[in-house]
Protein backbone atom coordinates (compact mmCIF):
# COMPACT_ATOMS: atom_id res chain seq x y z
CA UNK A 1 12.54 23.12 -4.59
CA UNK A 2 10.04 23.76 -1.82
CA UNK A 3 8.21 20.71 -0.45
CA UNK A 4 6.46 22.41 2.43
CA UNK A 5 2.75 21.69 2.67
CA UNK A 6 0.40 24.24 1.21
CA UNK A 7 -2.28 25.73 3.42
CA UNK A 8 -4.86 23.35 1.92
CA UNK A 9 -2.61 20.34 2.40
CA UNK A 10 -1.92 21.31 6.00
CA UNK A 11 -5.66 21.62 6.57
CA UNK A 12 -6.08 18.12 5.14
CA UNK A 13 -3.45 16.74 7.51
CA UNK A 14 -5.16 18.36 10.49
CA UNK A 15 -8.56 17.00 9.40
CA UNK A 16 -7.15 13.47 9.12
CA UNK A 17 -5.55 13.81 12.55
CA UNK A 18 -8.94 14.72 14.00
CA UNK A 19 -10.52 11.64 12.40
CA UNK A 20 -7.78 9.34 13.64
CA UNK A 21 -8.07 10.72 17.16
CA UNK A 22 -11.41 8.90 17.27
CA UNK A 23 -9.48 5.63 16.86
CA UNK A 24 -6.84 5.53 19.63
CA UNK A 25 -4.31 2.79 20.32
CA UNK A 26 -6.91 0.82 22.27
CA UNK A 27 -9.11 0.53 19.16
CA UNK A 28 -6.32 -1.13 17.20
CA UNK A 29 -5.26 -3.30 20.13
CA UNK A 30 -8.80 -4.60 20.58
CA UNK A 31 -9.07 -5.44 16.89
CA UNK A 32 -5.76 -7.26 16.93
CA UNK A 33 -6.74 -9.34 19.93
CA UNK A 34 -9.54 -10.92 17.90
CA UNK A 35 -8.07 -10.54 14.41
CA UNK A 36 -10.91 -8.27 13.29
CA UNK A 37 -11.04 -5.89 10.33
CA UNK A 38 -11.22 -2.13 11.15
CA UNK A 39 -14.62 -1.74 9.53
CA UNK A 40 -15.61 1.41 11.43
CA UNK A 41 -12.32 3.12 10.60
CA UNK A 42 -12.56 2.24 6.91
CA UNK A 43 -16.20 3.28 6.71
CA UNK A 44 -15.45 6.62 8.35
CA UNK A 45 -12.65 7.42 5.90
CA UNK A 46 -14.86 6.31 3.03
CA UNK A 47 -17.86 8.38 4.07
CA UNK A 48 -15.69 11.47 4.48
CA UNK A 49 -14.32 11.01 0.96
CA UNK A 50 -10.68 10.53 1.89
CA UNK A 51 -10.33 7.23 0.01
CA UNK A 52 -11.62 8.67 -3.26
CA UNK A 53 -9.45 11.75 -3.54
CA UNK A 54 -7.53 10.33 -6.53
CA UNK A 55 -10.70 9.70 -8.55
CA UNK A 56 -11.42 12.58 -10.97
CA UNK A 57 -14.23 14.92 -10.08
CA UNK A 58 -16.21 13.86 -13.15
CA UNK A 59 -16.63 10.46 -11.50
CA UNK A 60 -17.47 11.85 -8.08
CA UNK A 61 -14.00 11.83 -6.55
CA UNK A 62 -11.82 14.55 -5.12
CA UNK A 63 -9.74 15.04 -8.27
CA UNK A 64 -6.55 15.55 -6.26
CA UNK A 65 -3.03 14.29 -6.80
CA UNK A 66 -0.62 11.74 -5.37
CA UNK A 67 0.86 14.48 -3.19
CA UNK A 68 -2.44 14.97 -1.38
CA UNK A 69 -2.97 11.21 -1.08
CA UNK A 70 0.51 10.97 0.42
CA UNK A 71 -0.39 13.60 3.03
CA UNK A 72 -3.50 11.63 4.00
CA UNK A 73 -1.73 8.28 4.38
CA UNK A 74 1.22 9.76 6.24
CA UNK A 75 -1.05 11.39 8.79
CA UNK A 76 -3.02 8.17 9.30
CA UNK A 77 0.17 6.31 10.19
CA UNK A 78 1.61 9.17 12.22
CA UNK A 79 -1.49 8.96 14.43
CA UNK A 80 -0.77 5.32 15.27
CA UNK A 81 -3.44 3.93 12.93
CA UNK A 82 -2.78 1.71 9.94
CA UNK A 83 -4.07 2.42 6.43
CA UNK A 84 -3.16 -1.01 5.10
CA UNK A 85 -6.76 -2.08 5.58
CA UNK A 86 -7.97 0.37 2.95
CA UNK A 87 -5.14 2.16 1.13
CA UNK A 88 -5.65 0.13 -2.04
CA UNK A 89 -9.10 1.70 -2.34
CA UNK A 90 -7.18 4.86 -3.20
CA UNK A 91 -4.92 3.64 -5.98
CA UNK A 92 -6.03 0.23 -7.28
CA UNK A 93 -8.77 1.96 -9.26
CA UNK A 94 -5.95 3.64 -11.22
CA UNK A 95 -5.75 0.61 -13.49
CA UNK A 96 -9.39 1.13 -14.46
CA UNK A 97 -8.98 4.90 -14.68
CA UNK A 98 -5.93 4.79 -16.95
CA UNK A 99 -6.62 1.69 -19.01
CA UNK A 100 -10.32 0.86 -18.71
CA UNK A 101 -12.93 1.63 -21.33
CA UNK A 102 -15.26 4.61 -21.04
CA UNK A 103 -18.05 2.18 -20.13
CA UNK A 104 -15.99 0.55 -17.39
CA UNK A 105 -15.01 3.90 -15.89
CA UNK A 106 -18.61 5.06 -15.81
CA UNK A 107 -19.84 1.76 -14.42
CA UNK A 108 -17.38 1.50 -11.54
CA UNK A 109 -15.60 4.73 -10.63
CA UNK A 110 -18.65 6.72 -9.41
CA UNK A 111 -19.73 3.80 -7.22
CA UNK A 112 -16.19 3.41 -5.85
CA UNK A 113 -16.03 7.16 -5.15
CA UNK A 114 -19.37 7.04 -3.34
CA UNK A 115 -18.28 4.10 -1.20
CA UNK A 116 -20.92 1.85 -2.72
CA UNK A 117 -18.27 -0.49 -4.13
CA UNK A 118 -14.95 -1.52 -2.68
CA UNK A 119 -12.06 -2.22 -5.04
CA UNK A 120 -9.34 -3.09 -2.55
CA UNK A 121 -7.87 -6.32 -3.91
CA UNK A 122 -5.38 -6.95 -6.69
CA UNK A 123 -4.61 -10.61 -7.40
CA UNK A 124 -1.05 -10.81 -8.72
CA UNK A 125 1.25 -12.83 -6.44
CA UNK A 126 1.24 -16.63 -6.64
CA UNK A 127 2.90 -19.33 -4.49
CA UNK A 128 5.54 -20.04 -7.16
CA UNK A 129 5.65 -16.54 -8.64
CA UNK A 130 6.37 -13.96 -5.99
CA UNK A 131 8.48 -11.09 -7.27
CA UNK A 132 8.81 -12.74 -10.70
CA UNK A 133 5.37 -11.77 -11.96
CA UNK A 134 5.91 -13.17 -15.46
CA UNK A 135 5.93 -16.69 -14.01
CA UNK A 136 2.29 -16.66 -12.91
CA UNK A 137 0.29 -19.70 -13.96
CA UNK A 138 -3.30 -18.60 -13.32
CA UNK A 139 -4.90 -19.00 -16.73
CA UNK A 140 -7.91 -17.43 -18.40
CA UNK A 141 -9.37 -19.11 -21.49
CA UNK A 142 -11.73 -17.19 -23.76
CA UNK A 143 -14.96 -19.07 -24.34
CA UNK A 144 -17.50 -17.06 -26.34
CA UNK A 145 -18.43 -13.93 -24.44
CA UNK A 146 -16.53 -14.78 -21.24
CA UNK A 147 -13.24 -16.03 -19.83
CA UNK A 148 -12.89 -19.19 -17.75
CA UNK A 149 -10.25 -18.69 -15.06
CA UNK A 150 -8.34 -21.28 -13.03
CA UNK A 151 -5.42 -20.82 -10.68
CA UNK A 152 -4.21 -19.78 -7.26
CA UNK A 153 -3.06 -16.50 -5.76
CA UNK A 154 -1.42 -15.80 -2.43
CA UNK A 155 -0.92 -12.83 -0.10
CA UNK A 156 -3.93 -11.11 -1.61
CA UNK A 157 -4.84 -8.46 0.91
CA UNK A 158 -8.38 -7.32 1.76
CA UNK A 159 -10.07 -9.71 -0.66
CA UNK A 160 -12.57 -10.74 2.02
CA UNK A 161 -13.65 -7.10 2.36
CA UNK A 162 -13.67 -6.13 -1.29
CA UNK A 163 -16.53 -6.24 -3.79
CA UNK A 164 -14.22 -6.23 -6.79
CA UNK A 165 -10.79 -7.67 -7.51
CA UNK A 166 -8.38 -6.94 -10.31
CA UNK A 167 -6.91 -10.26 -11.37
CA UNK A 168 -3.73 -10.75 -13.38
CA UNK A 169 -3.98 -13.87 -15.54
CA UNK A 170 -2.17 -15.47 -18.42
CA UNK A 171 -4.38 -15.50 -21.51
CA UNK A 172 -1.71 -16.93 -23.82
CA UNK A 173 1.52 -18.85 -23.24
CA UNK A 174 4.89 -17.25 -23.68
CA UNK A 175 5.73 -17.44 -27.37
CA UNK A 176 9.25 -18.30 -28.49
CA UNK A 177 11.26 -15.15 -29.03
CA UNK A 178 8.69 -12.96 -27.28
CA UNK A 179 9.14 -11.23 -23.90
CA UNK A 180 7.69 -13.15 -20.95
CA UNK A 181 5.65 -10.07 -20.14
CA UNK A 182 3.47 -10.66 -23.20
CA UNK A 183 0.29 -12.71 -22.84
CA UNK A 184 -0.69 -11.39 -19.41
CA UNK A 185 -4.10 -9.76 -19.03
CA UNK A 186 -6.06 -7.97 -16.31
CA UNK A 187 -9.65 -8.95 -15.54
CA UNK A 188 -12.05 -7.14 -13.23
CA UNK A 189 -13.73 -9.79 -11.09
CA UNK A 190 -17.01 -9.16 -9.29
CA UNK A 191 -16.54 -11.10 -6.06
CA UNK A 192 -20.18 -10.62 -5.11
CA UNK A 193 -21.30 -12.97 -7.88
CA UNK A 194 -18.30 -15.32 -8.00
CA UNK A 195 -19.85 -17.88 -5.67
CA UNK A 196 -17.88 -21.06 -5.02
CA UNK A 197 -15.62 -20.38 -7.99
CA UNK A 198 -13.52 -18.17 -5.70
CA UNK A 199 -12.49 -19.54 -2.32
CA UNK A 200 -10.25 -17.76 0.16
CA UNK A 201 -8.22 -18.81 3.17
CA UNK A 202 -6.71 -16.29 5.58
CA UNK A 203 -2.94 -16.43 6.06
CA UNK A 204 -1.91 -15.90 9.70
CA UNK A 205 0.90 -13.34 9.87
CA UNK A 206 2.77 -11.45 12.58
CA UNK A 207 0.25 -8.61 12.86
CA UNK A 208 -3.43 -7.98 12.20
CA UNK A 209 -3.13 -8.00 8.42
CA UNK A 210 -6.02 -9.36 6.37
CA UNK A 211 -4.27 -11.25 3.60
CA UNK A 212 -5.41 -14.47 1.95
CA UNK A 213 -4.78 -17.34 -0.36
CA UNK A 214 -7.26 -17.25 -3.24
CA UNK A 215 -8.31 -20.38 -5.13
CA UNK A 216 -10.02 -19.85 -8.48
CA UNK A 217 -11.86 -22.76 -10.10
CA UNK A 218 -13.72 -22.39 -13.41
CA UNK A 219 -14.57 -18.78 -12.65
CA UNK A 220 -16.52 -17.18 -15.50
CA UNK A 221 -15.67 -13.53 -16.08
CA UNK A 222 -17.52 -11.56 -18.77
CA UNK A 223 -15.24 -10.58 -21.66
CA UNK A 224 -16.40 -7.00 -21.16
CA UNK A 225 -14.52 -7.06 -17.84
CA UNK A 226 -11.16 -7.27 -19.61
CA UNK A 227 -9.17 -4.15 -18.79
CA UNK A 228 -7.51 -2.68 -21.86
CA UNK A 229 -6.06 -4.99 -24.47
CA UNK A 230 -5.69 -8.73 -24.05
CA UNK A 231 -2.08 -9.77 -23.50
CA UNK A 232 -0.90 -6.30 -22.43
CA UNK A 233 -1.79 -6.55 -18.76
CA UNK A 234 1.78 -6.48 -17.46
CA UNK A 235 2.15 -2.94 -18.74
CA UNK A 236 -1.00 -1.94 -16.89
CA UNK A 237 0.14 -3.22 -13.52
CA UNK A 238 3.62 -1.69 -13.69
CA UNK A 239 1.96 1.58 -14.66
CA UNK A 240 0.52 1.72 -11.14
CA UNK A 241 3.70 0.74 -9.33
CA UNK A 242 5.12 4.25 -9.05
CA UNK A 243 1.96 5.54 -7.36
CA UNK A 244 1.95 2.57 -5.00
CA UNK A 245 5.60 3.07 -4.05
CA UNK A 246 5.08 6.77 -3.31
CA UNK A 247 2.03 6.09 -1.16
CA UNK A 248 3.63 3.18 0.71
CA UNK A 249 6.63 5.42 1.33
CA UNK A 250 4.24 7.95 2.84
CA UNK A 251 2.85 5.35 5.22
CA UNK A 252 6.38 4.40 6.27
CA UNK A 253 7.21 8.07 6.84
CA UNK A 254 4.09 8.36 8.98
CA UNK A 255 5.25 5.37 11.01
CA UNK A 256 8.69 6.92 11.33
CA UNK A 257 7.22 10.13 12.69
CA UNK A 258 5.06 8.11 15.11
CA UNK A 259 8.11 6.32 16.51
CA UNK A 260 10.26 9.43 16.75
CA UNK A 261 7.57 11.55 18.42
CA UNK A 262 6.56 8.84 20.87
CA UNK A 263 10.18 7.95 21.68
CA UNK A 264 11.25 11.57 22.18
CA UNK A 265 8.33 12.23 24.51
CA UNK A 266 8.86 9.05 26.51
CA UNK A 267 12.63 9.52 26.76
CA UNK A 268 12.06 13.06 28.06
CA UNK A 269 9.67 11.96 30.80
CA UNK A 270 10.96 8.55 31.83
CA UNK A 271 13.31 9.03 34.80
CA UNK A 272 15.89 6.36 35.65
CA UNK A 273 18.87 6.85 38.00
CA UNK A 274 17.68 10.34 38.76
CA UNK A 275 17.42 11.75 35.23
CA UNK A 276 15.38 11.31 32.04
CA UNK A 277 16.67 8.45 29.90
CA UNK A 278 16.70 10.86 26.96
CA UNK A 279 19.60 12.71 28.60
CA UNK A 280 21.77 9.71 27.77
CA UNK A 281 23.35 9.96 24.33
CA UNK A 282 22.90 6.21 23.79
CA UNK A 283 19.14 6.82 23.86
CA UNK A 284 18.97 10.35 22.45
CA UNK A 285 21.26 10.00 19.44
CA UNK A 286 19.49 7.02 17.78
CA UNK A 287 16.20 8.92 18.00
CA UNK A 288 17.81 12.02 16.50
CA UNK A 289 19.43 9.95 13.74
CA UNK A 290 16.09 8.35 12.92
CA UNK A 291 14.45 11.78 12.81
CA UNK A 292 17.01 12.97 10.26
CA UNK A 293 16.50 9.83 8.16
CA UNK A 294 12.71 10.20 8.19
CA UNK A 295 12.94 13.88 7.19
CA UNK A 296 15.31 13.06 4.32
CA UNK A 297 13.05 10.26 3.09
CA UNK A 298 10.09 12.62 3.20
CA UNK A 299 11.86 15.01 0.83
CA UNK A 300 12.51 12.25 -1.70
CA UNK A 301 8.89 11.13 -1.35
CA UNK A 302 7.57 14.63 -2.11
CA UNK A 303 10.03 14.96 -4.99
CA UNK A 304 8.70 11.71 -6.50
CA UNK A 305 5.11 12.82 -5.90
CA UNK A 306 5.68 16.16 -7.60
CA UNK A 307 7.12 14.40 -10.65
CA UNK A 308 4.20 11.95 -10.71
CA UNK A 309 1.62 14.71 -10.45
CA UNK A 310 3.45 16.59 -13.20
CA UNK A 311 3.23 13.49 -15.42
CA UNK A 312 7.01 13.25 -15.58
CA UNK A 313 9.09 10.03 -15.35
CA UNK A 314 9.60 9.13 -11.70
CA UNK A 315 10.52 5.44 -11.55
CA UNK A 316 13.88 6.02 -9.88
CA UNK A 317 12.50 8.61 -7.48
CA UNK A 318 9.47 6.51 -6.49
CA UNK A 319 11.68 3.50 -5.81
CA UNK A 320 14.20 5.54 -3.84
CA UNK A 321 11.37 7.06 -1.81
CA UNK A 322 10.07 3.62 -0.90
CA UNK A 323 13.54 2.36 -0.03
CA UNK A 324 14.57 5.36 2.05
CA UNK A 325 11.22 5.65 3.83
CA UNK A 326 10.99 1.98 4.79
CA UNK A 327 14.60 1.96 5.99
CA UNK A 328 14.08 5.15 8.01
CA UNK A 329 10.89 3.81 9.55
CA UNK A 330 12.61 0.61 10.65
CA UNK A 331 15.48 2.67 12.06
CA UNK A 332 12.98 4.76 14.01
CA UNK A 333 11.16 1.64 15.20
CA UNK A 334 14.35 0.21 16.68
CA UNK A 335 15.26 3.52 18.31
CA UNK A 336 11.80 3.73 19.86
CA UNK A 337 11.65 0.22 21.26
CA UNK A 338 15.13 0.69 22.73
CA UNK A 339 14.13 3.99 24.32
CA UNK A 340 11.06 2.39 25.89
CA UNK A 341 13.04 -0.58 27.15
CA UNK A 342 10.82 -3.26 28.61
CA UNK A 343 7.76 -1.07 28.18
CA UNK A 344 8.34 -1.16 24.44
CA UNK A 345 7.23 -4.79 24.48
CA UNK A 346 4.03 -4.05 26.40
CA UNK A 347 1.01 -3.78 24.12
CA UNK A 348 -0.49 -0.89 26.09
CA UNK A 349 2.15 1.52 24.76
CA UNK A 350 1.44 0.74 21.09
CA UNK A 351 5.11 0.54 20.13
CA UNK A 352 5.38 -3.21 19.70
CA UNK A 353 2.31 -3.29 17.42
CA UNK A 354 3.67 -0.60 15.14
CA UNK A 355 7.12 -2.23 15.34
CA UNK A 356 5.68 -5.39 13.79
CA UNK A 357 3.60 -3.49 11.26
CA UNK A 358 6.33 -1.24 9.91
CA UNK A 359 8.72 -4.11 9.11
CA UNK A 360 6.42 -5.00 6.22
CA UNK A 361 7.48 -1.90 4.31
CA UNK A 362 10.99 -3.28 3.79
CA UNK A 363 9.48 -6.41 2.24
CA UNK A 364 6.32 -5.36 0.41
CA UNK A 365 4.95 -4.35 -2.02
CA UNK A 366 8.48 -4.75 -3.35
CA UNK A 367 11.55 -6.01 -1.54
CA UNK A 368 14.18 -3.37 -0.88
CA UNK A 369 16.72 -5.68 -2.50
CA UNK A 370 14.76 -5.50 -5.74
CA UNK A 371 14.70 -1.72 -5.43
CA UNK A 372 18.49 -1.75 -5.18
CA UNK A 373 18.66 -4.05 -8.19
CA UNK A 374 16.47 -1.63 -10.13
CA UNK A 375 18.67 1.31 -9.22
CA UNK A 376 21.87 -0.58 -9.93
CA UNK A 377 20.77 -1.80 -13.33
CA UNK A 378 18.28 0.74 -14.67
CA UNK A 379 19.72 3.92 -13.17
CA UNK A 380 23.43 3.23 -12.72
CA UNK A 381 23.84 1.00 -15.77
CA UNK A 382 25.44 -1.96 -14.00
CA UNK A 383 24.88 -5.60 -15.06
CA UNK A 384 21.67 -7.33 -14.08
CA UNK A 385 22.10 -8.83 -10.60
CA UNK A 386 19.39 -11.48 -10.65
């Protein structure tokens, strides 16, 4: 199976590289120093149409596949940039596209494609319900023609810079004998009109990541903003997980390529004791090993993407892609910071920033341990491990 880029895909990668060249390391370092959002970067990608490539052409998008989206996100991260500030604009709309009504699609997708609306936030995680999504306690009660929502979410990224938020709520308690996944629903919340019913508080983390606690108090959401069928929301969110895993894997692969390329160049030019440090096997071999791991992960990622675009089952492949890519990226990060030595800790080289950023991929949007549990149980048929 050939996973080389087509001529069009290679052209896309080159175009993204040209865009990212306008946002060098110093741009990201300056933002991090004040904790600011990369508004100019996001606006540029939006205006050029890169964040709407997964939206069908009938709604004003690019009508391309996950493979093309993967190429875009990989190249962003390979350049030294970070797509975390806007990547959800690509795929969060998939819940509306696949499960929304015709009226909802027409009302929101063209505006999202045009960059007039931002749908970058998905409220799922809660303080007492991290990976165990069925334990969420945010409730929505139907009152006439609207829902009244109360609850709390945490680690909700980009909500301060999003116009809309998809919100997972419990609309009915777990009934005896029924799966815990029943009774969950997805609401589309317009944050522009939510007022004081939605309050947010930024969570300080180890890099410039805009993630928040969200407090919802008596928020009224029109019943027409229910996505799909009431009580079936869990199915809708897991439907988007494969796409998310493939695209996150692509970002990790981009980071891996960034580390390998920067480390190889630095190790070839940095002279210590009369020779380049890259001439030492202790420096050279870890970089080479990381390169092999990143290339292997890339193949699994493209395999998963081809299955997804072909509308074939790809749960195992998408999860393996995420696992392998995040592990390879972290391997490359460690090889790079070792090759740079003390300079690897200096912000001017950009390695320490990406080092902190890429660790996230082993933890989110799904822990690698949960990926292994999925593979062990669902693929290999072993007993449930948690």
